[in-house]
């Protein structure tokens, strides 16, 4: 059981890296987007993207809306234009 918890600790930094690499904080700025539309736009698996977005929502990076997901105030720090270097 401890090994599973140790491996789960790797999910968060990898999820953040993938989110920034895909440009999710910028793409989901404002009103946001449905996960299926975003998956088609990015040409990625919709199930995998849905799992990623759900994890990012638990971290507070994105938030669910009635129309999909959008970048949260916390996630704004990961936008390319945030000026803090985190998106690099």
PDB file of N, CA and C in Angstrom:
ATOM      1  N   UNK A   1       0.818  -1.189   0.000  1.00  0.00           N
ATOM      2  CA  UNK A   1       0.000   0.000   0.000  1.00  0.00           C
ATOM      3  C   UNK A   1       0.863   1.254   0.000  1.00  0.00           C
ATOM      4  N   UNK A   2       1.956   1.249   0.745  1.00  0.00           N
ATOM      5  CA  UNK A   2       2.833   2.415   0.797  1.00  0.00           C
ATOM      6  C   UNK A   2       3.404   2.725  -0.580  1.00  0.00           C
ATOM      7  N   UNK A   3       3.746   1.704  -1.356  1.00  0.00           N
ATOM      8  CA  UNK A   3       4.300   1.927  -2.694  1.00  0.00           C
ATOM      9  C   UNK A   3       3.297   2.646  -3.592  1.00  0.00           C
ATOM     10  N   UNK A   4       2.040   2.315  -3.465  1.00  0.00           N
ATOM     11  CA  UNK A   4       1.010   2.986  -4.271  1.00  0.00           C
ATOM     12  C   UNK A   4       0.923   4.455  -3.882  1.00  0.00           C
ATOM     13  N   UNK A   5       0.965   4.750  -2.586  1.00  0.00           N
ATOM     14  CA  UNK A   5       0.923   6.153  -2.139  1.00  0.00           C
ATOM     15  C   UNK A   5       2.148   6.905  -2.637  1.00  0.00           C
ATOM     16  N   UNK A   6       3.314   6.258  -2.609  1.00  0.00           N
ATOM     17  CA  UNK A   6       4.526   6.910  -3.100  1.00  0.00           C
ATOM     18  C   UNK A   6       4.424   7.241  -4.582  1.00  0.00           C
ATOM     19  N   UNK A   7       3.901   6.316  -5.373  1.00  0.00           N
ATOM     20  CA  UNK A   7       3.741   6.553  -6.805  1.00  0.00           C
ATOM     21  C   UNK A   7       2.692   7.624  -7.077  1.00  0.00           C
ATOM     22  N   UNK A   8       1.650   7.673  -6.270  1.00  0.00           N
ATOM     23  CA  UNK A   8       0.595   8.670  -6.462  1.00  0.00           C
ATOM     24  C   UNK A   8       1.149  10.079  -6.294  1.00  0.00           C
ATOM     25  N   UNK A   9       2.197  10.220  -5.505  1.00  0.00           N
ATOM     26  CA  UNK A   9       2.818  11.528  -5.308  1.00  0.00           C
ATOM     27  C   UNK A   9       3.445  12.071  -6.580  1.00  0.00           C
ATOM     28  N   UNK A  10       3.719  11.205  -7.547  1.00  0.00           N
ATOM     29  CA  UNK A  10       4.289  11.634  -8.821  1.00  0.00           C
ATOM     30  C   UNK A  10       3.230  12.191  -9.765  1.00  0.00           C
ATOM     31  N   UNK A  11       1.975  11.875  -9.502  1.00  0.00           N
ATOM     32  CA  UNK A  11       0.900  12.288 -10.413  1.00  0.00           C
ATOM     33  C   UNK A  11       0.756  13.797 -10.485  1.00  0.00           C
ATOM     34  N   UNK A  12       0.884  14.477  -9.375  1.00  0.00           N
ATOM     35  CA  UNK A  12       0.659  15.922  -9.361  1.00  0.00           C
ATOM     36  C   UNK A  12       1.705  16.689 -10.162  1.00  0.00           C
ATOM     37  N   UNK A  13       3.005  16.494  -9.946  1.00  0.00           N
ATOM     38  CA  UNK A  13       3.950  17.252 -10.768  1.00  0.00           C
ATOM     39  C   UNK A  13       3.852  16.918 -12.252  1.00  0.00           C
ATOM     40  N   UNK A  14       3.576  15.658 -12.561  1.00  0.00           N
ATOM     41  CA  UNK A  14       3.428  15.291 -13.969  1.00  0.00           C
ATOM     42  C   UNK A  14       2.167  15.910 -14.564  1.00  0.00           C
ATOM     43  N   UNK A  15       1.089  15.936 -13.794  1.00  0.00           N
ATOM     44  CA  UNK A  15      -0.156  16.542 -14.271  1.00  0.00           C
ATOM     45  C   UNK A  15       0.049  18.031 -14.553  1.00  0.00           C
ATOM     46  N   UNK A  16       0.762  18.710 -13.681  1.00  0.00           N
ATOM     47  CA  UNK A  16       1.031  20.136 -13.892  1.00  0.00           C
ATOM     48  C   UNK A  16       1.897  20.340 -15.132  1.00  0.00           C
ATOM     49  N   UNK A  17       2.886  19.487 -15.301  1.00  0.00           N
ATOM     50  CA  UNK A  17       3.760  19.610 -16.475  1.00  0.00           C
ATOM     51  C   UNK A  17       2.976  19.381 -17.771  1.00  0.00           C
ATOM     52  N   UNK A  18       2.160  18.354 -17.798  1.00  0.00           N
ATOM     53  CA  UNK A  18       1.357  18.075 -18.990  1.00  0.00           C
ATOM     54  C   UNK A  18       0.386  19.220 -19.259  1.00  0.00           C
ATOM     55  N   UNK A  19      -0.230  19.742 -18.206  1.00  0.00           N
ATOM     56  CA  UNK A  19      -1.169  20.853 -18.374  1.00  0.00           C
ATOM     57  C   UNK A  19      -0.492  22.057 -19.008  1.00  0.00           C
ATOM     58  N   UNK A  20       0.688  22.394 -18.532  1.00  0.00           N
ATOM     59  CA  UNK A  20       1.413  23.545 -19.084  1.00  0.00           C
ATOM     60  C   UNK A  20       1.895  23.243 -20.495  1.00  0.00           C
ATOM     61  N   UNK A  21       2.382  22.024 -20.733  1.00  0.00           N
ATOM     62  CA  UNK A  21       2.853  21.648 -22.067  1.00  0.00           C
ATOM     63  C   UNK A  21       1.720  21.735 -23.091  1.00  0.00           C
ATOM     64  N   UNK A  22       0.524  21.309 -22.701  1.00  0.00           N
ATOM     65  CA  UNK A  22      -0.631  21.399 -23.596  1.00  0.00           C
ATOM     66  C   UNK A  22      -1.212  22.817 -23.674  1.00  0.00           C
ATOM     67  N   UNK A  23      -0.756  23.691 -22.788  1.00  0.00           N
ATOM     68  CA  UNK A  23      -1.268  25.060 -22.778  1.00  0.00           C
ATOM     69  C   UNK A  23      -2.658  25.179 -22.180  1.00  0.00           C
ATOM     70  N   UNK A  24      -3.031  24.239 -21.318  1.00  0.00           N
ATOM     71  CA  UNK A  24      -4.382  24.247 -20.752  1.00  0.00           C
ATOM     72  C   UNK A  24      -4.710  25.509 -19.971  1.00  0.00           C
ATOM     73  N   UNK A  25      -3.790  26.046 -19.149  1.00  0.00           N
ATOM     74  CA  UNK A  25      -4.155  27.262 -18.426  1.00  0.00           C
ATOM     75  C   UNK A  25      -4.528  28.429 -19.357  1.00  0.00           C
ATOM     76  N   UNK A  26      -3.904  28.491 -20.522  1.00  0.00           N
ATOM     77  CA  UNK A  26      -4.238  29.545 -21.486  1.00  0.00           C
ATOM     78  C   UNK A  26      -5.496  29.199 -22.279  1.00  0.00           C
ATOM     79  N   UNK A  27      -5.627  27.962 -22.686  1.00  0.00           N
ATOM     80  CA  UNK A  27      -6.791  27.539 -23.485  1.00  0.00           C
ATOM     81  C   UNK A  27      -8.090  27.588 -22.695  1.00  0.00           C
ATOM     82  N   UNK A  28      -8.000  27.390 -21.388  1.00  0.00           N
ATOM     83  CA  UNK A  28      -9.195  27.358 -20.550  1.00  0.00           C
ATOM     84  C   UNK A  28      -9.451  28.685 -19.848  1.00  0.00           C
ATOM     85  N   UNK A  29      -8.738  29.712 -20.231  1.00  0.00           N
ATOM     86  CA  UNK A  29      -8.917  31.047 -19.645  1.00  0.00           C
ATOM     87  C   UNK A  29     -10.299  31.585 -20.014  1.00  0.00           C
ATOM     88  N   UNK A  30     -10.910  32.300 -19.124  1.00  0.00           N
ATOM     89  CA  UNK A  30     -12.222  32.882 -19.409  1.00  0.00           C
ATOM     90  C   UNK A  30     -13.336  31.910 -19.132  1.00  0.00           C
ATOM     91  N   UNK A  31     -14.193  31.698 -20.120  1.00  0.00           N
ATOM     92  CA  UNK A  31     -15.362  30.830 -19.936  1.00  0.00           C
ATOM     93  C   UNK A  31     -15.024  29.355 -19.914  1.00  0.00           C
ATOM     94  N   UNK A  32     -13.871  28.976 -20.401  1.00  0.00           N
ATOM     95  CA  UNK A  32     -13.484  27.578 -20.400  1.00  0.00           C
ATOM     96  C   UNK A  32     -14.018  26.828 -21.604  1.00  0.00           C
ATOM     97  N   UNK A  33     -13.993  25.497 -21.498  1.00  0.00           N
ATOM     98  CA  UNK A  33     -14.353  24.659 -22.636  1.00  0.00           C
ATOM     99  C   UNK A  33     -14.746  23.272 -22.155  1.00  0.00           C
ATOM    100  N   UNK A  34     -15.631  22.605 -22.893  1.00  0.00           N
ATOM    101  CA  UNK A  34     -15.927  21.200 -22.583  1.00  0.00           C
ATOM    102  C   UNK A  34     -14.699  20.323 -22.874  1.00  0.00           C
ATOM    103  N   UNK A  35     -14.504  19.305 -22.072  1.00  0.00           N
ATOM    104  CA  UNK A  35     -13.344  18.427 -22.230  1.00  0.00           C
ATOM    105  C   UNK A  35     -13.305  17.771 -23.603  1.00  0.00           C
ATOM    106  N   UNK A  36     -14.445  17.351 -24.129  1.00  0.00           N
ATOM    107  CA  UNK A  36     -14.464  16.691 -25.440  1.00  0.00           C
ATOM    108  C   UNK A  36     -14.034  17.638 -26.556  1.00  0.00           C
ATOM    109  N   UNK A  37     -14.479  18.888 -26.508  1.00  0.00           N
ATOM    110  CA  UNK A  37     -14.064  19.873 -27.509  1.00  0.00           C
ATOM    111  C   UNK A  37     -12.569  20.124 -27.429  1.00  0.00           C
ATOM    112  N   UNK A  38     -12.077  20.245 -26.213  1.00  0.00           N
ATOM    113  CA  UNK A  38     -10.654  20.491 -26.009  1.00  0.00           C
ATOM    114  C   UNK A  38      -9.822  19.303 -26.485  1.00  0.00           C
ATOM    115  N   UNK A  39     -10.273  18.089 -26.224  1.00  0.00           N
ATOM    116  CA  UNK A  39      -9.561  16.887 -26.673  1.00  0.00           C
ATOM    117  C   UNK A  39      -9.469  16.852 -28.185  1.00  0.00           C
ATOM    118  N   UNK A  40     -10.556  17.202 -28.860  1.00  0.00           N
ATOM    119  CA  UNK A  40     -10.541  17.229 -30.328  1.00  0.00           C
ATOM    120  C   UNK A  40      -9.593  18.304 -30.836  1.00  0.00           C
ATOM    121  N   UNK A  41      -9.613  19.462 -30.210  1.00  0.00           N
ATOM    122  CA  UNK A  41      -8.722  20.572 -30.609  1.00  0.00           C
ATOM    123  C   UNK A  41      -7.253  20.178 -30.455  1.00  0.00           C
ATOM    124  N   UNK A  42      -6.942  19.502 -29.363  1.00  0.00           N
ATOM    125  CA  UNK A  42      -5.557  19.121 -29.063  1.00  0.00           C
ATOM    126  C   UNK A  42      -5.155  17.795 -29.682  1.00  0.00           C
ATOM    127  N   UNK A  43      -6.125  17.065 -30.248  1.00  0.00           N
ATOM    128  CA  UNK A  43      -5.894  15.739 -30.810  1.00  0.00           C
ATOM    129  C   UNK A  43      -5.311  14.787 -29.761  1.00  0.00           C
ATOM    130  N   UNK A  44      -5.975  14.769 -28.602  1.00  0.00           N
ATOM    131  CA  UNK A  44      -5.580  13.860 -27.525  1.00  0.00           C
ATOM    132  C   UNK A  44      -6.780  12.999 -27.145  1.00  0.00           C
ATOM    133  N   UNK A  45      -6.516  11.931 -26.432  1.00  0.00           N
ATOM    134  CA  UNK A  45      -7.569  11.021 -26.006  1.00  0.00           C
ATOM    135  C   UNK A  45      -8.505  11.734 -25.026  1.00  0.00           C
ATOM    136  N   UNK A  46      -9.808  11.750 -25.298  1.00  0.00           N
ATOM    137  CA  UNK A  46     -10.738  12.466 -24.427  1.00  0.00           C
ATOM    138  C   UNK A  46     -10.831  11.882 -23.013  1.00  0.00           C
ATOM    139  N   UNK A  47     -10.674  10.565 -22.890  1.00  0.00           N
ATOM    140  CA  UNK A  47     -10.730   9.952 -21.560  1.00  0.00           C
ATOM    141  C   UNK A  47      -9.521  10.392 -20.739  1.00  0.00           C
ATOM    142  N   UNK A  48      -8.341  10.338 -21.341  1.00  0.00           N
ATOM    143  CA  UNK A  48      -7.122  10.750 -20.636  1.00  0.00           C
ATOM    144  C   UNK A  48      -7.192  12.229 -20.260  1.00  0.00           C
ATOM    145  N   UNK A  49      -7.672  13.055 -21.174  1.00  0.00           N
ATOM    146  CA  UNK A  49      -7.787  14.484 -20.875  1.00  0.00           C
ATOM    147  C   UNK A  49      -8.803  14.722 -19.761  1.00  0.00           C
ATOM    148  N   UNK A  50      -9.900  13.983 -19.775  1.00  0.00           N
ATOM    149  CA  UNK A  50     -10.887  14.104 -18.708  1.00  0.00           C
ATOM    150  C   UNK A  50     -10.312  13.757 -17.344  1.00  0.00           C
ATOM    151  N   UNK A  51      -9.495  12.707 -17.300  1.00  0.00           N
ATOM    152  CA  UNK A  51      -8.841  12.322 -16.043  1.00  0.00           C
ATOM    153  C   UNK A  51      -7.856  13.397 -15.596  1.00  0.00           C
ATOM    154  N   UNK A  52      -7.107  13.945 -16.541  1.00  0.00           N
ATOM    155  CA  UNK A  52      -6.164  15.013 -16.216  1.00  0.00           C
ATOM    156  C   UNK A  52      -6.905  16.233 -15.667  1.00  0.00           C
ATOM    157  N   UNK A  53      -7.966  16.636 -16.342  1.00  0.00           N
ATOM    158  CA  UNK A  53      -8.729  17.804 -15.890  1.00  0.00           C
ATOM    159  C   UNK A  53      -9.354  17.563 -14.519  1.00  0.00           C
ATOM    160  N   UNK A  54      -9.835  16.357 -14.281  1.00  0.00           N
ATOM    161  CA  UNK A  54     -10.404  16.035 -12.967  1.00  0.00           C
ATOM    162  C   UNK A  54      -9.343  16.154 -11.879  1.00  0.00           C
ATOM    163  N   UNK A  55      -8.131  15.670 -12.163  1.00  0.00           N
ATOM    164  CA  UNK A  55      -7.041  15.787 -11.180  1.00  0.00           C
ATOM    165  C   UNK A  55      -6.673  17.250 -10.971  1.00  0.00           C
ATOM    166  N   UNK A  56      -6.585  18.002 -12.046  1.00  0.00           N
ATOM    167  CA  UNK A  56      -6.266  19.429 -11.924  1.00  0.00           C
ATOM    168  C   UNK A  56      -7.343  20.173 -11.141  1.00  0.00           C
ATOM    169  N   UNK A  57      -8.585  19.725 -11.259  1.00  0.00           N
ATOM    170  CA  UNK A  57      -9.672  20.341 -10.496  1.00  0.00           C
ATOM    171  C   UNK A  57      -9.507  20.065  -9.002  1.00  0.00           C
ATOM    172  N   UNK A  58      -9.052  18.858  -8.649  1.00  0.00           N
ATOM    173  CA  UNK A  58      -8.838  18.558  -7.224  1.00  0.00           C
ATOM    174  C   UNK A  58      -7.696  19.387  -6.657  1.00  0.00           C
ATOM    175  N   UNK A  59      -6.768  19.779  -7.528  1.00  0.00           N
ATOM    176  CA  UNK A  59      -5.652  20.624  -7.099  1.00  0.00           C
ATOM    177  C   UNK A  59      -6.020  22.099  -7.054  1.00  0.00           C
ATOM    178  N   UNK A  60      -7.143  22.460  -7.662  1.00  0.00           N
ATOM    179  CA  UNK A  60      -7.555  23.856  -7.699  1.00  0.00           C
ATOM    180  C   UNK A  60      -6.976  24.633  -8.860  1.00  0.00           C
ATOM    181  N   UNK A  61      -6.370  23.951  -9.827  1.00  0.00           N
ATOM    182  CA  UNK A  61      -5.775  24.611 -10.997  1.00  0.00           C
ATOM    183  C   UNK A  61      -6.851  24.989 -12.007  1.00  0.00           C
ATOM    184  N   UNK A  62      -7.842  24.110 -12.160  1.00  0.00           N
ATOM    185  CA  UNK A  62      -9.001  24.392 -13.002  1.00  0.00           C
ATOM    186  C   UNK A  62     -10.242  24.167 -12.154  1.00  0.00           C
ATOM    187  N   UNK A  63     -11.370  24.651 -12.652  1.00  0.00           N
ATOM    188  CA  UNK A  63     -12.626  24.417 -11.955  1.00  0.00           C
ATOM    189  C   UNK A  63     -13.683  24.003 -12.956  1.00  0.00           C
ATOM    190  N   UNK A  64     -14.568  23.138 -12.497  1.00  0.00           N
ATOM    191  CA  UNK A  64     -15.675  22.695 -13.343  1.00  0.00           C
ATOM    192  C   UNK A  64     -16.727  23.784 -13.400  1.00  0.00           C
ATOM    193  N   UNK A  65     -17.300  23.947 -14.577  1.00  0.00           N
ATOM    194  CA  UNK A  65     -18.411  24.863 -14.756  1.00  0.00           C
ATOM    195  C   UNK A  65     -19.544  24.091 -15.423  1.00  0.00           C
ATOM    196  N   UNK A  66     -20.630  24.752 -15.652  1.00  0.00           N
ATOM    197  CA  UNK A  66     -21.752  24.080 -16.313  1.00  0.00           C
ATOM    198  C   UNK A  66     -21.431  23.752 -17.769  1.00  0.00           C
ATOM    199  N   UNK A  67     -20.412  24.421 -18.320  1.00  0.00           N
ATOM    200  CA  UNK A  67     -20.046  24.186 -19.718  1.00  0.00           C
ATOM    201  C   UNK A  67     -18.739  23.431 -19.887  1.00  0.00           C
ATOM    202  N   UNK A  68     -18.090  23.031 -18.814  1.00  0.00           N
ATOM    203  CA  UNK A  68     -16.827  22.307 -18.927  1.00  0.00           C
ATOM    204  C   UNK A  68     -15.848  22.686 -17.836  1.00  0.00           C
ATOM    205  N   UNK A  69     -14.657  23.068 -18.235  1.00  0.00           N
ATOM    206  CA  UNK A  69     -13.604  23.456 -17.298  1.00  0.00           C
ATOM    207  C   UNK A  69     -13.060  24.822 -17.673  1.00  0.00           C
ATOM    208  N   UNK A  70     -12.616  25.555 -16.656  1.00  0.00           N
ATOM    209  CA  UNK A  70     -11.932  26.817 -16.897  1.00  0.00           C
ATOM    210  C   UNK A  70     -10.792  26.954 -15.894  1.00  0.00           C
ATOM    211  N   UNK A  71      -9.835  27.781 -16.238  1.00  0.00           N
ATOM    212  CA  UNK A  71      -8.704  28.026 -15.368  1.00  0.00           C
ATOM    213  C   UNK A  71      -9.177  28.774 -14.122  1.00  0.00           C
ATOM    214  N   UNK A  72      -8.764  28.309 -12.968  1.00  0.00           N
ATOM    215  CA  UNK A  72      -9.125  28.967 -11.711  1.00  0.00           C
ATOM    216  C   UNK A  72      -8.186  30.145 -11.463  1.00  0.00           C
ATOM    217  N   UNK A  73      -8.490  30.926 -10.451  1.00  0.00           N
ATOM    218  CA  UNK A  73      -7.604  32.039 -10.079  1.00  0.00           C
ATOM    219  C   UNK A  73      -6.213  31.505  -9.723  1.00  0.00           C
ATOM    220  N   UNK A  74      -6.158  30.353  -9.074  1.00  0.00           N
ATOM    221  CA  UNK A  74      -4.884  29.720  -8.729  1.00  0.00           C
ATOM    222  C   UNK A  74      -4.149  29.274  -9.994  1.00  0.00           C
ATOM    223  N   UNK A  75      -4.888  28.703 -10.935  1.00  0.00           N
ATOM    224  CA  UNK A  75      -4.300  28.230 -12.186  1.00  0.00           C
ATOM    225  C   UNK A  75      -3.804  29.339 -13.088  1.00  0.00           C
ATOM    226  N   UNK A  76      -4.305  30.566 -12.888  1.00  0.00           N
ATOM    227  CA  UNK A  76      -3.848  31.709 -13.682  1.00  0.00           C
ATOM    228  C   UNK A  76      -2.333  31.891 -13.573  1.00  0.00           C
ATOM    229  N   UNK A  77      -1.753  31.454 -12.471  1.00  0.00           N
ATOM    230  CA  UNK A  77      -0.302  31.566 -12.278  1.00  0.00           C
ATOM    231  C   UNK A  77       0.485  30.692 -13.253  1.00  0.00           C
ATOM    232  N   UNK A  78      -0.177  29.728 -13.886  1.00  0.00           N
ATOM    233  CA  UNK A  78       0.485  28.833 -14.842  1.00  0.00           C
ATOM    234  C   UNK A  78       0.312  29.286 -16.285  1.00  0.00           C
ATOM    235  N   UNK A  79      -0.357  30.399 -16.518  1.00  0.00           N
ATOM    236  CA  UNK A  79      -0.526  30.909 -17.884  1.00  0.00           C
ATOM    237  C   UNK A  79       0.806  31.433 -18.409  1.00  0.00           C
ATOM    238  N   UNK A  80       0.991  31.333 -19.707  1.00  0.00           N
ATOM    239  CA  UNK A  80       2.250  31.764 -20.339  1.00  0.00           C
ATOM    240  C   UNK A  80       2.540  33.239 -20.076  1.00  0.00           C
ATOM    241  N   UNK A  81       1.510  34.056 -20.038  1.00  0.00           N
ATOM    242  CA  UNK A  81       1.709  35.492 -19.845  1.00  0.00           C
ATOM    243  C   UNK A  81       1.663  35.936 -18.411  1.00  0.00           C
ATOM    244  N   UNK A  82       1.726  35.012 -17.462  1.00  0.00           N
ATOM    245  CA  UNK A  82       1.627  35.373 -16.041  1.00  0.00           C
ATOM    246  C   UNK A  82       2.853  36.154 -15.556  1.00  0.00           C
ATOM    247  N   UNK A  83       3.964  36.062 -16.286  1.00  0.00           N
ATOM    248  CA  UNK A  83       5.152  36.832 -15.937  1.00  0.00           C
ATOM    249  C   UNK A  83       5.930  36.301 -14.747  1.00  0.00           C
ATOM    250  N   UNK A  84       5.695  35.058 -14.356  1.00  0.00           N
ATOM    251  CA  UNK A  84       6.415  34.514 -13.208  1.00  0.00           C
ATOM    252  C   UNK A  84       7.348  33.369 -13.566  1.00  0.00           C
ATOM    253  N   UNK A  85       7.390  32.974 -14.831  1.00  0.00           N
ATOM    254  CA  UNK A  85       8.290  31.928 -15.287  1.00  0.00           C
ATOM    255  C   UNK A  85       7.808  30.510 -15.017  1.00  0.00           C
ATOM    256  N   UNK A  86       6.669  30.326 -14.368  1.00  0.00           N
ATOM    257  CA  UNK A  86       6.210  28.968 -14.044  1.00  0.00           C
ATOM    258  C   UNK A  86       5.840  28.173 -15.295  1.00  0.00           C
ATOM    259  N   UNK A  87       5.388  28.834 -16.336  1.00  0.00           N
ATOM    260  CA  UNK A  87       5.017  28.125 -17.561  1.00  0.00           C
ATOM    261  C   UNK A  87       6.227  27.708 -18.376  1.00  0.00           C
ATOM    262  N   UNK A  88       7.387  28.159 -17.986  1.00  0.00           N
ATOM    263  CA  UNK A  88       8.613  27.772 -18.690  1.00  0.00           C
ATOM    264  C   UNK A  88       9.082  26.429 -18.202  1.00  0.00           C
TER     265      UNK A  88
END
